[in-house]
Amino acid sequence: MTLNDARPGTEYEIKELILDGDEELESFLFTLGCYSGEKITVVDKKKNLVVSIKDARYNIDPDLAEVIRI
């Protein structure tokens, strides 16, 4: 399942990133700490998702959340 399917308040482990060779997106996600094996929690879901990774919170859009498999 993807991050869009996550339930708020539940911690998940990132299984993989579906990037189709997009090195710029991969680099961006890596700077956020978003990579395979890392824990991620959806804090809030409205128009965008608020996620917590390594004690930091980020606001990501549903298109970006779709590439993160948990």
N, C-alpha and C. Protein backbone atom coordinates (compact mmCIF):
# COMPACT_ATOMS: atom_id res chain seq x y z
N MET A 1 0.83 -1.18 0.00
CA MET A 1 0.00 0.00 0.00
C MET A 1 0.88 1.24 0.00
N THR A 2 0.33 2.36 -0.38
CA THR A 2 1.10 3.60 -0.43
C THR A 2 0.78 4.45 0.79
N LEU A 3 1.53 5.52 0.94
CA LEU A 3 1.34 6.41 2.08
C LEU A 3 -0.06 7.04 2.06
N ASN A 4 -0.65 7.18 0.89
CA ASN A 4 -2.02 7.72 0.81
C ASN A 4 -3.03 6.82 1.53
N ASP A 5 -2.71 5.54 1.68
CA ASP A 5 -3.63 4.59 2.33
C ASP A 5 -3.40 4.48 3.83
N ALA A 6 -2.41 5.18 4.36
CA ALA A 6 -2.06 5.08 5.77
C ALA A 6 -3.13 5.71 6.67
N ARG A 7 -3.25 5.13 7.85
CA ARG A 7 -4.16 5.69 8.86
C ARG A 7 -3.38 6.68 9.72
N PRO A 8 -3.93 7.86 9.93
CA PRO A 8 -3.25 8.84 10.79
C PRO A 8 -2.98 8.28 12.18
N GLY A 9 -1.79 8.60 12.69
CA GLY A 9 -1.42 8.17 14.03
C GLY A 9 -0.77 6.81 14.12
N THR A 10 -0.70 6.09 13.02
CA THR A 10 -0.09 4.76 13.00
C THR A 10 1.30 4.85 12.38
N GLU A 11 2.28 4.24 13.04
CA GLU A 11 3.64 4.24 12.51
C GLU A 11 3.80 3.11 11.50
N TYR A 12 4.42 3.42 10.38
CA TYR A 12 4.67 2.44 9.32
C TYR A 12 6.15 2.43 8.99
N GLU A 13 6.58 1.38 8.33
CA GLU A 13 7.95 1.31 7.81
C GLU A 13 7.90 1.50 6.30
N ILE A 14 8.77 2.33 5.79
CA ILE A 14 8.84 2.54 4.34
C ILE A 14 9.44 1.30 3.72
N LYS A 15 8.72 0.68 2.80
CA LYS A 15 9.18 -0.54 2.13
C LYS A 15 10.01 -0.22 0.90
N GLU A 16 9.53 0.73 0.10
CA GLU A 16 10.27 1.12 -1.10
C GLU A 16 9.71 2.44 -1.63
N LEU A 17 10.49 3.04 -2.51
CA LEU A 17 10.06 4.25 -3.20
C LEU A 17 9.92 3.91 -4.68
N ILE A 18 8.78 4.22 -5.27
CA ILE A 18 8.52 3.93 -6.67
C ILE A 18 8.83 5.20 -7.46
N LEU A 19 10.05 5.29 -7.97
CA LEU A 19 10.53 6.55 -8.54
C LEU A 19 10.70 6.53 -10.04
N ASP A 20 10.70 5.38 -10.67
CA ASP A 20 10.87 5.27 -12.13
C ASP A 20 12.09 6.04 -12.62
N GLY A 21 13.21 5.94 -11.90
CA GLY A 21 14.45 6.56 -12.34
C GLY A 21 14.55 8.06 -12.10
N ASP A 22 13.63 8.65 -11.37
CA ASP A 22 13.66 10.09 -11.10
C ASP A 22 14.67 10.37 -9.99
N GLU A 23 15.91 10.65 -10.38
CA GLU A 23 16.99 10.86 -9.41
C GLU A 23 16.79 12.12 -8.58
N GLU A 24 16.19 13.15 -9.15
CA GLU A 24 15.95 14.39 -8.41
C GLU A 24 14.96 14.16 -7.28
N LEU A 25 13.89 13.41 -7.57
CA LEU A 25 12.90 13.10 -6.55
C LEU A 25 13.50 12.19 -5.48
N GLU A 26 14.30 11.23 -5.90
CA GLU A 26 14.96 10.33 -4.95
C GLU A 26 15.87 11.12 -4.00
N SER A 27 16.61 12.06 -4.55
CA SER A 27 17.50 12.89 -3.74
C SER A 27 16.70 13.74 -2.76
N PHE A 28 15.60 14.31 -3.22
CA PHE A 28 14.74 15.13 -2.36
C PHE A 28 14.20 14.31 -1.20
N LEU A 29 13.67 13.13 -1.49
CA LEU A 29 13.12 12.28 -0.43
C LEU A 29 14.20 11.84 0.54
N PHE A 30 15.39 11.56 0.03
CA PHE A 30 16.48 11.16 0.90
C PHE A 30 16.85 12.28 1.87
N THR A 31 16.81 13.54 1.42
CA THR A 31 17.13 14.66 2.32
C THR A 31 16.10 14.80 3.43
N LEU A 32 14.88 14.31 3.18
CA LEU A 32 13.85 14.33 4.22
C LEU A 32 14.00 13.16 5.19
N GLY A 33 14.86 12.20 4.84
CA GLY A 33 15.01 11.00 5.66
C GLY A 33 14.05 9.91 5.24
N CYS A 34 13.52 10.03 4.05
CA CYS A 34 12.51 9.10 3.54
C CYS A 34 13.18 8.08 2.62
N TYR A 35 13.47 6.89 3.17
CA TYR A 35 14.10 5.83 2.40
C TYR A 35 13.70 4.49 3.02
N SER A 36 13.95 3.42 2.31
CA SER A 36 13.55 2.08 2.75
C SER A 36 14.06 1.77 4.15
N GLY A 37 13.16 1.22 4.97
CA GLY A 37 13.50 0.84 6.33
C GLY A 37 13.23 1.91 7.36
N GLU A 38 13.02 3.14 6.94
CA GLU A 38 12.77 4.24 7.88
C GLU A 38 11.31 4.22 8.33
N LYS A 39 11.08 4.65 9.57
CA LYS A 39 9.72 4.74 10.12
C LYS A 39 9.09 6.06 9.70
N ILE A 40 7.78 6.01 9.41
CA ILE A 40 7.04 7.21 9.00
C ILE A 40 5.64 7.14 9.59
N THR A 41 5.14 8.28 10.03
CA THR A 41 3.80 8.37 10.60
C THR A 41 3.04 9.50 9.92
N VAL A 42 1.82 9.23 9.49
CA VAL A 42 0.95 10.27 8.96
C VAL A 42 0.29 10.93 10.17
N VAL A 43 0.56 12.20 10.35
CA VAL A 43 0.02 12.94 11.49
C VAL A 43 -1.38 13.45 11.17
N ASP A 44 -1.58 13.92 9.94
CA ASP A 44 -2.87 14.49 9.54
C ASP A 44 -3.06 14.29 8.05
N LYS A 45 -4.31 14.08 7.64
CA LYS A 45 -4.66 13.93 6.23
C LYS A 45 -5.82 14.85 5.92
N LYS A 46 -5.56 15.82 5.10
CA LYS A 46 -6.62 16.68 4.59
C LYS A 46 -6.35 16.83 3.11
N LYS A 47 -6.12 18.03 2.63
CA LYS A 47 -5.75 18.21 1.22
C LYS A 47 -4.38 17.58 0.97
N ASN A 48 -3.43 17.85 1.85
CA ASN A 48 -2.10 17.25 1.81
C ASN A 48 -1.91 16.38 3.04
N LEU A 49 -0.81 15.65 3.10
CA LEU A 49 -0.52 14.81 4.25
C LEU A 49 0.59 15.47 5.07
N VAL A 50 0.42 15.47 6.37
CA VAL A 50 1.47 15.89 7.28
C VAL A 50 2.07 14.61 7.82
N VAL A 51 3.37 14.43 7.57
CA VAL A 51 4.04 13.20 7.99
C VAL A 51 5.16 13.53 8.96
N SER A 52 5.47 12.57 9.81
CA SER A 52 6.56 12.69 10.76
C SER A 52 7.61 11.65 10.40
N ILE A 53 8.84 12.14 10.17
CA ILE A 53 9.99 11.28 9.90
C ILE A 53 11.12 11.76 10.79
N LYS A 54 11.65 10.89 11.63
CA LYS A 54 12.78 11.24 12.50
C LYS A 54 12.55 12.53 13.27
N ASP A 55 11.46 12.64 13.97
CA ASP A 55 11.15 13.79 14.82
C ASP A 55 10.99 15.11 14.07
N ALA A 56 10.79 15.06 12.76
CA ALA A 56 10.52 16.26 11.96
C ALA A 56 9.19 16.04 11.23
N ARG A 57 8.49 17.12 10.97
CA ARG A 57 7.21 17.04 10.26
C ARG A 57 7.32 17.71 8.91
N TYR A 58 6.69 17.08 7.91
CA TYR A 58 6.70 17.60 6.55
C TYR A 58 5.30 17.55 5.98
N ASN A 59 4.99 18.50 5.12
CA ASN A 59 3.72 18.56 4.43
C ASN A 59 3.97 18.08 3.00
N ILE A 60 3.37 16.96 2.61
CA ILE A 60 3.57 16.44 1.26
C ILE A 60 2.23 16.27 0.55
N ASP A 61 2.25 16.40 -0.76
CA ASP A 61 1.01 16.28 -1.51
C ASP A 61 0.72 14.81 -1.83
N PRO A 62 -0.52 14.51 -2.19
CA PRO A 62 -0.92 13.12 -2.47
C PRO A 62 -0.13 12.47 -3.60
N ASP A 63 0.31 13.26 -4.60
CA ASP A 63 1.10 12.68 -5.69
C ASP A 63 2.44 12.15 -5.18
N LEU A 64 3.07 12.89 -4.31
CA LEU A 64 4.33 12.45 -3.72
C LEU A 64 4.10 11.26 -2.78
N ALA A 65 3.03 11.30 -2.01
CA ALA A 65 2.71 10.20 -1.10
C ALA A 65 2.46 8.90 -1.87
N GLU A 66 2.03 8.99 -3.10
CA GLU A 66 1.73 7.81 -3.91
C GLU A 66 2.99 7.01 -4.26
N VAL A 67 4.16 7.64 -4.26
CA VAL A 67 5.39 6.92 -4.60
C VAL A 67 6.04 6.25 -3.40
N ILE A 68 5.50 6.48 -2.20
CA ILE A 68 6.07 5.91 -0.98
C ILE A 68 5.24 4.71 -0.56
N ARG A 69 5.84 3.51 -0.72
CA ARG A 69 5.15 2.27 -0.33
C ARG A 69 5.50 1.92 1.10
N ILE A 70 4.46 1.57 1.85
CA ILE A 70 4.63 1.21 3.27
C ILE A 70 4.15 -0.21 3.51
